[in-house]
Amino acid sequence: MSTATPTGSLPAGGSVLPPMLERMRAQPRLPLIIGAAALVTVVAAFALWSRGPDYKVLYTNVSDRDGGAIIASLQQMNVPYKFAEGGGAILIAGDKVAETRLKLAAQGLPKAGGVGFELMDNQKFGTSQFAEQVNYQRGLEGELARSIESIGTIEAARVHLALPKPSLFVRDQKKPSASVVLTLMRGRSIDEGQVSAIVHMVSASVPDLDAKNVTVVDQRGNLLSSARGTSQGLDVSQLKYAQEIEQGYVRRIEAILQPLVGASNVRAQVAADIDFSVVEHTDEKYKPNQDPAQAAIRSQQSSESAQHNGVPPGGVPGALSNQPPVNPTAPITTPRPANAPNTPNASPAPATAPAGPSNTRKDVTTNYELDRTIRHVQQAAGGVKRLSVAVVVNHRDTVDAAGKAGTQALTPAELAQIRNLAKEAMGFSTERGDSLNVVNSAFARDAEAGPAPELPFWRDRDNLALAKALGPYLLIGLLALFAWFAMLRPLMRRHLAPPPPAQLATAVTTDTAAPPDDPEETLQQRESARQKADMDYAHQTADKDPKLVAALIQHWMHTDD
């Protein structure tokens, strides 16, 4: 049995053989390689553990019945899942959400959602008209609810339609109405524009449904549809249009004044009075009577009648005065006038009837074309009725002879120039009653302005995003350093430390002031000192750890055999 074996290579608990420790001691880099490999293994294991599946929401706020059916289907498909928000949400791996939803939808899950027009697919023969109407109304309500739920801030929706029965009498006809109940997501809100969109979508989906007859309520009982308009009857779209008009004028005024006074030295505000009324005007005018010679004749009608040698009626009314005229007698002769010239050779004039009374009547009716002008004017909504503009211009920056900075008010000519430019930019109209007010004053904010304070690095959004991205890796590095300094390094120092220095070597060196002349004697002294030191170390180890010594002796006994 050799006693020259270094006691520093004693096995720890008898699990590692002394030749292994001796080999590790002979090669100082081997422990470092082993420790580095162990550290890399720990870091890789932690990284794989931290990069587990990223769970995302599959369904939220499902009923107990649907939740049980979904869990059973997930177990059959071998899809890992977990719960969140007190069991109100079912989470699965993010890369499997879309596929799993499609598979569950094929199974009809979840079933608590509203039904749509699929109710009309399974109509039985002989279904009454009332049942068909009810199914149609249920299907329409379900389709509207699905469309509303597609909005991002809405978690669930229910639609109730009141469809009156059609009547043949106009007086008995009633308009339909609708009510919508919205369940908003936790911590989310809905704006007036979205409420207006829901109202118009529902009113456009139901025949003869006016947007005023649609009521929208949230899950807390707040009436949302009342916020769609103001006391003047303006809806959100009209208010938004007015704001866009005002901002457009502001940008035009500031854009034309900024090159003169600077981007931060001019501020403008515009108040626009918009006319949203739709006006239809029809005029029908007739011109005065024109000259008949120049007028166009539309139609002309004339009638003429004459009566000669007639005896006018006269006498006493009665049967005697209403006798027919007497028949004339032949020959009829005409007496010669008294002043007629003598014409001996002329033949006597023919006899004519005696002159009597005559009656003549002539009627002419002429119709001329009438001048008529019909004008139909429809004024579109959204016209600008009046503009009120306020412009504030900062004082001009100056530097005096001493180099001191200051400010100076603009001259009246410069203010007039700015006023004229603002009028041209806004389209100033006196007929409309527009007003423009330009004020030159020193800006209080600019007088005390300084460099904008920088945000601390821990409040910068970019730094926060970078910290969130590097946080897991930094945590892995800290855990690796902790494992190295708290576990691996002390363990290696304990089992791979060199043997303690011999305590008796100092005593031997002090006793022999001068080294012996014989080299062999010197070598023997050193060997004896080493043996004594080993024996002392063995005694100390036996006192501290008897089990280790027993394991070593047992190993030696097996080695000798």
Protein backbone atom coordinates (compact mmCIF):
# COMPACT_ATOMS: atom_id res chain seq x y z
CA MET A 1 0.00 0.00 0.00
CA SER A 2 1.56 3.27 -1.15
CA THR A 3 1.42 6.29 1.13
CA ALA A 4 2.77 8.71 -1.49
CA THR A 5 -0.65 9.38 -2.90
CA PRO A 6 -1.60 13.05 -2.35
CA THR A 7 -4.25 13.38 0.25
CA GLY A 8 -5.77 16.28 -1.75
CA SER A 9 -7.18 13.69 -4.15
CA LEU A 10 -9.41 12.04 -1.60
CA PRO A 11 -12.79 11.16 -3.12
CA ALA A 12 -15.79 13.23 -2.10
CA GLY A 13 -18.14 10.77 -0.51
CA GLY A 14 -16.51 7.94 -2.48
CA SER A 15 -18.36 8.82 -5.72
CA VAL A 16 -15.33 10.03 -7.76
CA LEU A 17 -12.20 7.94 -8.14
CA PRO A 18 -8.83 9.47 -7.08
CA PRO A 19 -7.28 8.99 -10.55
CA MET A 20 -10.01 11.23 -11.99
CA LEU A 21 -9.26 13.98 -9.48
CA GLU A 22 -5.55 13.55 -10.07
CA ARG A 23 -6.09 13.90 -13.82
CA MET A 24 -8.18 17.04 -13.30
CA ARG A 25 -5.50 18.49 -11.04
CA ALA A 26 -2.84 17.81 -13.62
CA GLN A 27 -4.83 19.74 -16.25
CA PRO A 28 -5.97 23.11 -14.80
CA ARG A 29 -8.16 23.94 -17.83
CA LEU A 30 -10.28 20.82 -17.53
CA PRO A 31 -12.33 22.08 -14.53
CA LEU A 32 -12.96 25.33 -16.34
CA ILE A 33 -14.19 23.48 -19.42
CA ILE A 34 -16.48 21.29 -17.30
CA GLY A 35 -17.85 24.31 -15.42
CA ALA A 36 -18.44 26.24 -18.62
CA ALA A 37 -20.24 23.27 -20.16
CA ALA A 38 -22.43 22.94 -17.08
CA LEU A 39 -23.17 26.66 -17.15
CA VAL A 40 -24.10 26.54 -20.83
CA THR A 41 -26.35 23.56 -20.12
CA VAL A 42 -28.14 25.42 -17.33
CA VAL A 43 -28.58 28.54 -19.47
CA ALA A 44 -29.90 26.52 -22.41
CA ALA A 45 -32.32 24.64 -20.19
CA PHE A 46 -33.60 27.88 -18.68
CA ALA A 47 -33.93 29.47 -22.12
CA LEU A 48 -35.94 26.51 -23.39
CA TRP A 49 -38.08 26.64 -20.29
CA SER A 50 -38.67 30.40 -20.64
CA ARG A 51 -39.51 30.03 -24.33
CA GLY A 52 -42.52 27.89 -23.69
CA PRO A 53 -45.69 28.24 -25.74
CA ASP A 54 -47.09 31.76 -25.85
CA TYR A 55 -50.66 31.32 -24.70
CA LYS A 56 -53.34 33.51 -26.26
CA VAL A 57 -57.07 33.83 -25.72
CA LEU A 58 -59.21 31.29 -27.53
CA TYR A 59 -62.63 32.32 -26.15
CA THR A 60 -63.75 34.64 -23.37
CA ASN A 61 -66.94 34.87 -21.33
CA VAL A 62 -68.27 31.52 -22.47
CA SER A 63 -71.05 29.83 -20.58
CA ASP A 64 -70.36 26.82 -18.38
CA ARG A 65 -72.00 24.47 -20.87
CA ASP A 66 -70.01 25.79 -23.82
CA GLY A 67 -66.85 25.89 -21.73
CA GLY A 68 -67.19 22.23 -20.83
CA ALA A 69 -67.82 21.25 -24.44
CA ILE A 70 -64.81 23.27 -25.60
CA ILE A 71 -62.52 21.71 -22.98
CA ALA A 72 -63.67 18.22 -23.97
CA SER A 73 -62.92 18.96 -27.62
CA LEU A 74 -59.48 20.36 -26.76
CA GLN A 75 -58.64 17.22 -24.81
CA GLN A 76 -59.68 15.06 -27.74
CA MET A 77 -57.47 17.12 -30.08
CA ASN A 78 -54.52 16.97 -27.61
CA VAL A 79 -54.28 20.75 -27.46
CA PRO A 80 -52.80 22.08 -24.18
CA TYR A 81 -54.86 24.79 -22.53
CA LYS A 82 -55.12 26.82 -19.37
CA PHE A 83 -57.52 29.28 -17.77
CA ALA A 84 -57.16 32.98 -17.05
CA GLU A 85 -59.20 35.77 -15.46
CA GLY A 86 -60.76 33.47 -12.93
CA GLY A 87 -61.85 30.92 -15.51
CA GLY A 88 -63.52 33.47 -17.76
CA ALA A 89 -61.04 32.94 -20.60
CA ILE A 90 -59.61 29.82 -22.22
CA LEU A 91 -55.99 30.13 -23.41
CA ILE A 92 -54.08 27.93 -25.84
CA ALA A 93 -50.82 28.22 -27.76
CA GLY A 94 -50.81 31.33 -29.96
CA ASP A 95 -49.88 29.47 -33.14
CA LYS A 96 -52.89 27.17 -32.80
CA VAL A 97 -55.64 29.71 -32.09
CA ALA A 98 -56.89 30.11 -35.67
CA GLU A 99 -56.77 26.40 -36.47
CA THR A 100 -58.51 25.45 -33.23
CA ARG A 101 -61.27 27.99 -33.74
CA LEU A 102 -61.97 26.60 -37.19
CA LYS A 103 -62.13 23.06 -35.86
CA LEU A 104 -64.44 24.06 -33.00
CA ALA A 105 -66.63 26.04 -35.38
CA ALA A 106 -67.00 22.91 -37.50
CA GLN A 107 -68.35 21.21 -34.36
CA GLY A 108 -70.77 24.09 -33.71
CA LEU A 109 -68.90 25.48 -30.71
CA PRO A 110 -69.51 27.74 -28.95
CA LYS A 111 -73.26 27.36 -29.16
CA ALA A 112 -74.25 30.32 -27.01
CA GLY A 113 -73.80 32.78 -29.88
CA GLY A 114 -76.82 34.16 -31.62
CA VAL A 115 -78.22 32.28 -34.56
CA GLY A 116 -78.56 33.86 -37.96
CA PHE A 117 -80.28 32.99 -41.20
CA GLU A 118 -79.27 29.37 -40.79
CA LEU A 119 -82.65 29.01 -39.08
CA MET A 120 -84.19 29.22 -42.53
CA ASP A 121 -82.16 26.26 -43.80
CA ASN A 122 -84.14 23.63 -41.92
CA GLN A 123 -87.68 24.76 -42.61
CA LYS A 124 -90.17 21.93 -42.30
CA PHE A 125 -92.99 21.34 -44.71
CA GLY A 126 -96.23 22.82 -43.53
CA THR A 127 -94.70 25.55 -41.37
CA SER A 128 -97.16 28.32 -40.71
CA GLN A 129 -96.64 31.85 -41.92
CA PHE A 130 -96.36 33.08 -38.34
CA ALA A 131 -93.52 30.63 -37.61
CA GLU A 132 -91.72 31.67 -40.78
CA GLN A 133 -92.02 35.32 -39.79
CA VAL A 134 -90.67 34.60 -36.32
CA ASN A 135 -87.72 32.64 -37.72
CA TYR A 136 -86.99 35.41 -40.19
CA GLN A 137 -87.01 38.01 -37.42
CA ARG A 138 -84.75 35.86 -35.23
CA GLY A 139 -82.36 35.32 -38.11
CA LEU A 140 -82.24 39.03 -38.90
CA GLU A 141 -81.57 39.88 -35.27
CA GLY A 142 -78.78 37.30 -35.10
CA GLU A 143 -77.12 38.55 -38.28
CA LEU A 144 -77.23 42.13 -37.03
CA ALA A 145 -75.76 41.06 -33.69
CA ARG A 146 -72.91 39.27 -35.46
CA SER A 147 -72.17 42.32 -37.56
CA ILE A 148 -72.10 44.56 -34.50
CA GLU A 149 -69.85 42.14 -32.59
CA SER A 150 -67.26 42.43 -35.37
CA ILE A 151 -66.42 45.92 -34.05
CA GLY A 152 -63.26 45.73 -31.97
CA THR A 153 -64.51 47.36 -28.75
CA ILE A 154 -67.73 45.33 -28.55
CA GLU A 155 -67.62 41.96 -26.87
CA ALA A 156 -71.25 40.92 -27.33
CA ALA A 157 -74.45 42.43 -28.74
CA ARG A 158 -78.15 41.70 -28.76
CA VAL A 159 -80.65 43.18 -31.20
CA HIS A 160 -84.41 43.38 -30.64
CA LEU A 161 -86.61 44.28 -33.60
CA ALA A 162 -90.22 45.38 -33.35
CA LEU A 163 -91.66 44.71 -36.80
CA PRO A 164 -95.34 45.67 -37.02
CA LYS A 165 -97.74 43.62 -39.07
CA PRO A 166 -98.34 45.20 -42.48
CA SER A 167 -101.77 46.68 -43.04
CA LEU A 168 -103.72 47.58 -46.17
CA PHE A 169 -104.90 50.85 -44.64
CA VAL A 170 -102.52 53.77 -44.57
CA ARG A 171 -103.78 55.04 -41.24
CA ASP A 172 -103.11 51.73 -39.55
CA GLN A 173 -99.53 51.39 -40.78
CA LYS A 174 -96.82 51.69 -38.10
CA LYS A 175 -93.11 52.20 -38.39
CA PRO A 176 -90.69 49.51 -37.12
CA SER A 177 -88.26 50.16 -34.28
CA ALA A 178 -85.14 48.49 -32.91
CA SER A 179 -83.18 48.24 -29.65
CA VAL A 180 -79.52 47.26 -29.38
CA VAL A 181 -77.81 46.16 -26.16
CA LEU A 182 -74.00 46.29 -26.26
CA THR A 183 -71.55 44.55 -23.94
CA LEU A 184 -68.27 46.45 -24.14
CA MET A 185 -64.92 44.90 -23.42
CA ARG A 186 -63.42 45.49 -20.00
CA GLY A 187 -61.71 48.87 -19.88
CA ARG A 188 -62.89 49.87 -23.36
CA SER A 189 -65.34 52.54 -24.45
CA ILE A 190 -67.25 53.37 -27.61
CA ASP A 191 -67.31 56.81 -29.19
CA GLU A 192 -70.20 58.67 -30.77
CA GLY A 193 -69.06 57.86 -34.29
CA GLN A 194 -69.27 54.12 -33.64
CA VAL A 195 -72.72 54.52 -32.07
CA SER A 196 -73.89 56.46 -35.11
CA ALA A 197 -72.47 53.77 -37.39
CA ILE A 198 -74.36 51.05 -35.49
CA VAL A 199 -77.60 53.04 -35.66
CA HIS A 200 -77.33 53.61 -39.40
CA MET A 201 -76.36 50.00 -40.05
CA VAL A 202 -79.43 48.71 -38.20
CA SER A 203 -81.75 51.24 -39.84
CA ALA A 204 -80.41 50.37 -43.30
CA SER A 205 -80.93 46.63 -42.71
CA VAL A 206 -84.63 46.84 -41.86
CA PRO A 207 -87.13 48.24 -44.38
CA ASP A 208 -88.85 51.51 -43.41
CA LEU A 209 -86.79 51.74 -40.19
CA ASP A 210 -85.83 55.31 -39.38
CA ALA A 211 -82.54 55.98 -37.60
CA LYS A 212 -84.45 57.96 -34.96
CA ASN A 213 -86.29 54.77 -33.93
CA VAL A 214 -83.09 52.88 -33.06
CA THR A 215 -82.03 52.84 -29.40
CA VAL A 216 -78.55 51.77 -28.29
CA VAL A 217 -77.82 50.84 -24.65
CA ASP A 218 -74.66 49.46 -23.03
CA GLN A 219 -74.39 46.76 -20.38
CA ARG A 220 -74.53 49.36 -17.58
CA GLY A 221 -77.84 50.77 -18.79
CA ASN A 222 -76.40 53.95 -20.26
CA LEU A 223 -78.30 55.33 -23.24
CA LEU A 224 -75.73 55.77 -26.01
CA SER A 225 -77.94 56.76 -28.91
CA SER A 226 -78.87 60.09 -27.27
CA ALA A 227 -75.31 61.27 -27.78
CA ARG A 228 -75.65 61.02 -31.56
CA GLY A 229 -76.93 64.53 -31.95
CA THR A 230 -77.05 67.91 -30.27
CA SER A 231 -79.94 70.11 -29.39
CA GLN A 232 -79.82 71.53 -32.90
CA GLY A 233 -80.24 68.12 -34.49
CA LEU A 234 -76.65 67.82 -35.72
CA ASP A 235 -75.18 64.37 -35.84
CA VAL A 236 -71.55 63.39 -35.47
CA SER A 237 -70.80 63.47 -39.17
CA GLN A 238 -71.99 67.08 -39.44
CA LEU A 239 -69.93 68.17 -36.45
CA LYS A 240 -66.90 66.40 -37.87
CA TYR A 241 -67.47 68.11 -41.21
CA ALA A 242 -67.59 71.51 -39.48
CA GLN A 243 -64.33 70.75 -37.65
CA GLU A 244 -62.65 69.73 -40.88
CA ILE A 245 -63.76 72.97 -42.54
CA GLU A 246 -62.40 75.03 -39.64
CA GLN A 247 -59.09 73.16 -39.53
CA GLY A 248 -58.72 73.57 -43.29
CA TYR A 249 -59.00 77.35 -43.00
CA VAL A 250 -56.57 77.36 -40.06
CA ARG A 251 -53.97 75.44 -42.06
CA ARG A 252 -54.36 77.76 -45.04
CA ILE A 253 -53.94 80.91 -42.95
CA GLU A 254 -50.95 79.61 -40.98
CA ALA A 255 -49.31 78.22 -44.11
CA ILE A 256 -49.33 81.62 -45.83
CA LEU A 257 -48.17 83.56 -42.72
CA GLN A 258 -45.49 81.23 -41.41
CA PRO A 259 -42.88 82.16 -44.07
CA LEU A 260 -43.20 85.80 -42.95
CA VAL A 261 -43.26 85.53 -39.15
CA GLY A 262 -42.04 81.99 -38.45
CA ALA A 263 -43.72 78.68 -37.74
CA SER A 264 -44.00 79.28 -33.98
CA ASN A 265 -44.94 82.95 -34.17
CA VAL A 266 -48.48 82.74 -35.54
CA ARG A 267 -51.66 81.15 -34.23
CA ALA A 268 -55.06 81.13 -35.94
CA GLN A 269 -58.52 79.97 -35.00
CA VAL A 270 -61.61 79.80 -37.21
CA ALA A 271 -65.27 79.51 -36.23
CA ALA A 272 -67.39 78.45 -39.20
CA ASP A 273 -71.17 78.76 -39.30
CA ILE A 274 -72.24 75.89 -41.56
CA ASP A 275 -75.69 75.65 -43.08
CA PHE A 276 -76.76 72.01 -43.09
CA SER A 277 -80.33 72.70 -44.27
CA VAL A 278 -81.39 71.35 -47.66
CA VAL A 279 -83.43 73.99 -49.53
CA GLU A 280 -85.56 73.36 -52.61
CA HIS A 281 -86.97 76.48 -54.32
CA THR A 282 -89.30 76.57 -57.35
CA ASP A 283 -90.28 79.84 -59.12
CA GLU A 284 -92.88 80.35 -61.91
CA LYS A 285 -92.93 83.87 -63.36
CA TYR A 286 -95.09 85.53 -66.08
CA LYS A 287 -93.89 88.58 -67.94
CA PRO A 288 -96.19 91.61 -68.56
CA ASN A 289 -98.26 91.97 -71.75
CA GLN A 290 -96.10 92.40 -74.81
CA ASP A 291 -96.62 94.22 -78.11
CA PRO A 292 -99.24 92.26 -80.14
CA ALA A 293 -97.19 92.78 -83.29
CA GLN A 294 -94.25 90.93 -81.73
CA ALA A 295 -96.16 88.39 -79.74
CA ALA A 296 -96.61 84.84 -80.96
CA ILE A 297 -100.23 83.94 -81.79
CA ARG A 298 -101.31 80.71 -80.26
CA SER A 299 -104.83 80.57 -81.81
CA GLN A 300 -107.24 82.96 -83.57
CA GLN A 301 -111.01 82.63 -84.12
CA SER A 302 -113.30 85.08 -86.01
CA SER A 303 -117.04 85.09 -86.79
CA GLU A 304 -119.09 87.58 -88.92
CA SER A 305 -122.87 87.86 -89.58
CA ALA A 306 -124.97 90.43 -91.57
CA GLN A 307 -128.71 90.97 -92.21
CA HIS A 308 -130.16 93.36 -94.85
CA ASN A 309 -133.72 94.59 -95.80
CA GLY A 310 -135.19 93.19 -92.77
CA VAL A 311 -138.00 94.75 -90.92
CA PRO A 312 -136.96 95.25 -87.44
CA PRO A 313 -139.31 93.96 -84.90
CA GLY A 314 -141.60 96.58 -83.50
CA GLY A 315 -145.06 97.36 -82.39
CA VAL A 316 -147.01 96.12 -79.52
CA PRO A 317 -145.81 92.75 -78.37
CA GLY A 318 -148.39 90.19 -79.17
CA ALA A 319 -149.81 88.03 -81.94
CA LEU A 320 -150.53 90.95 -84.30
CA SER A 321 -146.99 92.23 -84.34
CA ASN A 322 -145.50 88.81 -84.92
CA GLN A 323 -146.98 88.33 -88.37
CA PRO A 324 -144.87 87.19 -91.31
CA PRO A 325 -143.96 89.76 -93.94
CA VAL A 326 -146.30 90.41 -96.90
CA ASN A 327 -145.47 88.69 -100.15
CA PRO A 328 -144.09 91.15 -102.72
CA THR A 329 -146.06 91.92 -105.94
CA ALA A 330 -144.69 92.10 -109.50
CA PRO A 331 -143.53 94.14 -111.30
CA ILE A 332 -141.22 95.77 -108.90
CA THR A 333 -140.24 99.29 -110.02
CA THR A 334 -137.87 101.77 -108.48
CA PRO A 335 -138.79 105.49 -108.64
CA ARG A 336 -136.31 107.79 -110.38
CA PRO A 337 -134.48 110.14 -108.16
CA ALA A 338 -135.36 113.85 -108.44
CA ASN A 339 -131.80 115.10 -109.09
CA ALA A 340 -130.91 112.45 -111.69
CA PRO A 341 -129.52 113.81 -114.98
CA ASN A 342 -131.48 113.66 -118.19
CA THR A 343 -130.42 110.71 -120.17
CA PRO A 344 -132.89 110.44 -123.03
CA ASN A 345 -131.11 107.62 -124.70
CA ALA A 346 -130.47 105.73 -121.49
CA SER A 347 -132.55 102.84 -120.79
CA PRO A 348 -134.60 102.98 -117.70
CA ALA A 349 -132.75 101.64 -114.55
CA PRO A 350 -133.76 98.33 -113.31
CA ALA A 351 -136.12 98.25 -110.54
CA THR A 352 -134.58 97.51 -107.05
CA ALA A 353 -136.06 96.68 -103.80
CA PRO A 354 -136.84 99.53 -101.56
CA ALA A 355 -134.07 100.35 -98.97
CA GLY A 356 -134.67 98.93 -95.55
CA PRO A 357 -132.87 98.41 -92.20
CA SER A 358 -129.68 96.14 -91.99
CA ASN A 359 -127.81 94.36 -89.09
CA THR A 360 -124.07 93.41 -89.20
CA ARG A 361 -122.02 91.54 -86.48
CA LYS A 362 -118.31 90.56 -86.46
CA ASP A 363 -116.43 88.70 -83.62
CA VAL A 364 -112.64 88.07 -83.56
CA THR A 365 -110.88 86.09 -80.77
CA THR A 366 -107.02 85.93 -80.73
CA ASN A 367 -104.99 83.88 -78.15
CA TYR A 368 -101.30 84.82 -77.69
CA GLU A 369 -98.52 82.64 -76.15
CA LEU A 370 -97.70 83.58 -72.56
CA ASP A 371 -94.09 84.09 -71.35
CA ARG A 372 -93.43 81.79 -68.37
CA THR A 373 -90.17 81.00 -66.51
CA ILE A 374 -89.89 78.01 -64.15
CA ARG A 375 -86.76 77.77 -61.97
CA HIS A 376 -86.03 74.87 -59.61
CA VAL A 377 -83.10 75.43 -57.23
CA GLN A 378 -81.83 72.85 -54.73
CA GLN A 379 -79.17 74.08 -52.32
CA ALA A 380 -76.92 71.33 -51.01
CA ALA A 381 -76.17 71.07 -47.30
CA GLY A 382 -72.79 72.10 -45.92
CA GLY A 383 -72.50 75.63 -47.24
CA VAL A 384 -70.53 78.18 -45.25
CA LYS A 385 -72.79 80.94 -43.97
CA ARG A 386 -70.23 82.98 -42.04
CA LEU A 387 -66.59 82.82 -40.96
CA SER A 388 -65.06 84.33 -37.84
CA VAL A 389 -61.23 84.31 -37.86
CA ALA A 390 -58.82 85.34 -35.11
CA VAL A 391 -55.07 85.58 -35.81
CA VAL A 392 -52.38 86.26 -33.19
CA VAL A 393 -48.88 87.20 -34.36
CA ASN A 394 -45.86 87.27 -32.09
CA HIS A 395 -43.50 90.25 -31.79
CA ARG A 396 -40.44 90.29 -34.01
CA ASP A 397 -37.14 89.13 -32.46
CA THR A 398 -34.46 91.86 -32.43
CA VAL A 399 -30.86 92.22 -31.31
CA ASP A 400 -29.57 95.63 -30.22
CA ALA A 401 -26.08 97.06 -30.71
CA ALA A 402 -24.88 95.53 -27.45
CA GLY A 403 -25.89 92.08 -28.65
CA LYS A 404 -28.85 91.75 -26.28
CA ALA A 405 -31.88 89.91 -27.67
CA GLY A 406 -35.33 91.43 -27.45
CA THR A 407 -38.69 91.72 -29.17
CA GLN A 408 -40.34 94.51 -31.18
CA ALA A 409 -43.94 95.02 -32.28
CA LEU A 410 -44.77 94.86 -35.96
CA THR A 411 -45.37 98.04 -37.90
CA PRO A 412 -48.85 99.03 -39.09
CA ALA A 413 -47.81 98.32 -42.66
CA GLU A 414 -46.75 94.78 -41.74
CA LEU A 415 -49.99 94.21 -39.84
CA ALA A 416 -51.96 95.43 -42.83
CA GLN A 417 -50.03 93.06 -45.07
CA ILE A 418 -50.74 90.15 -42.72
CA ARG A 419 -54.43 91.12 -42.58
CA ASN A 420 -54.70 91.21 -46.37
CA LEU A 421 -52.99 87.85 -46.74
CA ALA A 422 -55.31 86.31 -44.14
CA LYS A 423 -58.35 87.68 -45.98
CA GLU A 424 -57.22 86.16 -49.24
CA ALA A 425 -56.45 82.82 -47.59
CA MET A 426 -59.85 82.56 -45.90
CA GLY A 427 -61.85 83.92 -48.85
CA PHE A 428 -63.16 86.94 -46.98
CA SER A 429 -66.68 87.92 -48.07
CA THR A 430 -68.43 91.08 -46.95
CA GLU A 431 -71.79 89.82 -48.20
CA ARG A 432 -71.47 86.79 -45.97
CA GLY A 433 -70.64 88.97 -42.97
CA ASP A 434 -67.19 87.46 -42.33
CA SER A 435 -65.01 88.96 -39.60
CA LEU A 436 -61.22 88.98 -39.21
CA ASN A 437 -59.25 90.12 -36.18
CA VAL A 438 -55.43 90.28 -36.26
CA VAL A 439 -53.58 90.99 -33.00
CA ASN A 440 -49.84 91.53 -32.57
CA SER A 441 -48.65 90.60 -29.09
CA ALA A 442 -45.68 88.95 -27.41
CA PHE A 443 -46.21 85.27 -26.75
CA ALA A 444 -45.85 84.51 -23.04
CA ARG A 445 -44.81 80.94 -23.71
CA ASP A 446 -42.06 81.94 -26.11
CA ALA A 447 -40.73 84.59 -23.73
CA GLU A 448 -40.00 81.93 -21.12
CA ALA A 449 -39.42 79.11 -23.53
CA GLY A 450 -36.38 76.99 -23.16
CA PRO A 451 -35.23 73.63 -24.37
CA ALA A 452 -37.90 71.04 -23.85
CA PRO A 453 -37.04 68.85 -20.85
CA GLU A 454 -35.88 65.44 -21.86
CA LEU A 455 -37.68 62.47 -20.48
CA PRO A 456 -35.73 60.19 -18.15
CA PHE A 457 -34.46 57.12 -19.87
CA TRP A 458 -36.70 54.87 -17.75
CA ARG A 459 -39.78 56.73 -19.07
CA ASP A 460 -38.83 56.66 -22.73
CA ARG A 461 -41.07 54.33 -24.71
CA ASP A 462 -38.24 53.02 -26.83
CA ASN A 463 -36.17 52.19 -23.79
CA LEU A 464 -39.12 50.50 -22.13
CA ALA A 465 -39.73 48.37 -25.21
CA LEU A 466 -36.03 47.46 -25.36
CA ALA A 467 -36.06 46.54 -21.68
CA LYS A 468 -39.06 44.29 -22.17
CA ALA A 469 -37.33 42.55 -25.06
CA LEU A 470 -33.98 42.08 -23.27
CA GLY A 471 -35.45 41.43 -19.83
CA PRO A 472 -35.74 37.63 -20.15
CA TYR A 473 -32.20 37.28 -21.48
CA LEU A 474 -30.81 39.51 -18.72
CA LEU A 475 -32.61 37.40 -16.14
CA ILE A 476 -31.09 34.26 -17.64
CA GLY A 477 -27.61 35.81 -17.42
CA LEU A 478 -28.11 36.79 -13.78
CA LEU A 479 -29.28 33.31 -12.89
CA ALA A 480 -26.27 31.83 -14.67
CA LEU A 481 -23.87 34.08 -12.74
CA PHE A 482 -25.61 33.19 -9.52
CA ALA A 483 -25.28 29.49 -10.29
CA TRP A 484 -21.59 29.90 -11.08
CA PHE A 485 -20.55 31.97 -8.08
CA ALA A 486 -22.92 30.42 -5.52
CA MET A 487 -22.78 26.73 -6.52
CA LEU A 488 -20.28 25.61 -9.14
CA ARG A 489 -17.26 27.69 -8.12
CA PRO A 490 -17.34 26.82 -4.37
CA LEU A 491 -17.89 23.15 -5.23
CA MET A 492 -14.87 23.09 -7.55
CA ARG A 493 -12.71 24.89 -5.00
CA ARG A 494 -13.65 22.39 -2.36
CA HIS A 495 -12.86 19.23 -4.32
CA LEU A 496 -10.09 20.47 -6.60
CA ALA A 497 -8.05 22.56 -4.12
CA PRO A 498 -4.29 21.71 -3.82
CA PRO A 499 -3.04 20.04 -0.62
CA PRO A 500 -2.42 22.39 2.28
CA PRO A 501 1.23 23.40 2.86
CA ALA A 502 3.18 21.22 5.22
CA GLN A 503 3.28 22.71 8.65
CA LEU A 504 6.41 20.86 9.64
CA ALA A 505 8.39 21.97 6.63
CA THR A 506 8.88 25.36 8.21
CA ALA A 507 10.09 23.82 11.41
CA VAL A 508 12.57 21.61 9.53
CA THR A 509 13.79 24.60 7.54
CA THR A 510 14.26 26.69 10.67
CA ASP A 511 16.13 23.91 12.52
CA THR A 512 18.60 23.45 9.71
CA ALA A 513 20.01 26.88 9.09
CA ALA A 514 22.30 25.63 6.37
CA PRO A 515 21.42 22.99 3.83
CA PRO A 516 23.42 19.75 3.99
CA ASP A 517 26.21 19.26 1.56
CA ASP A 518 24.90 15.88 0.41
CA PRO A 519 22.03 16.24 -2.14
CA GLU A 520 20.63 12.84 -1.22
CA GLU A 521 20.35 13.88 2.38
CA THR A 522 18.48 17.03 1.33
CA LEU A 523 16.07 14.97 -0.76
CA GLN A 524 15.41 12.61 2.17
CA GLN A 525 14.64 15.55 4.44
CA ARG A 526 12.17 16.96 1.97
CA GLU A 527 10.53 13.56 1.57
CA SER A 528 10.21 13.05 5.29
CA ALA A 529 8.75 16.56 5.69
CA ARG A 530 6.23 15.82 2.97
CA GLN A 531 5.30 12.52 4.57
CA LYS A 532 4.79 14.21 7.91
CA ALA A 533 2.65 16.86 6.32
CA ASP A 534 0.59 14.20 4.58
CA MET A 535 0.16 12.31 7.80
CA ASP A 536 -0.96 15.46 9.61
CA TYR A 537 -3.42 16.20 6.81
CA ALA A 538 -4.68 12.60 6.96
CA HIS A 539 -5.19 12.88 10.72
CA GLN A 540 -7.07 16.13 10.30
CA THR A 541 -9.25 14.67 7.56
CA ALA A 542 -9.95 11.57 9.67
CA ASP A 543 -11.05 13.76 12.53
CA LYS A 544 -13.29 15.90 10.36
CA ASP A 545 -14.72 13.24 8.04
CA PRO A 546 -14.28 9.63 9.28
CA LYS A 547 -16.57 8.32 6.55
CA LEU A 548 -14.27 9.64 3.88
CA VAL A 549 -11.27 7.86 5.44
CA ALA A 550 -13.22 4.59 5.75
CA ALA A 551 -14.26 4.82 2.09
CA LEU A 552 -10.64 5.45 1.11
CA ILE A 553 -9.35 2.45 3.11
CA GLN A 554 -12.05 0.28 1.60
CA HIS A 555 -11.00 1.43 -1.88
CA TRP A 556 -7.37 0.60 -1.13
CA MET A 557 -8.31 -2.85 0.13
CA HIS A 558 -10.17 -3.62 -3.09
CA THR A 559 -7.24 -2.25 -5.12
CA ASP A 560 -4.72 -4.51 -3.36
CA ASP A 561 -6.83 -7.55 -4.01
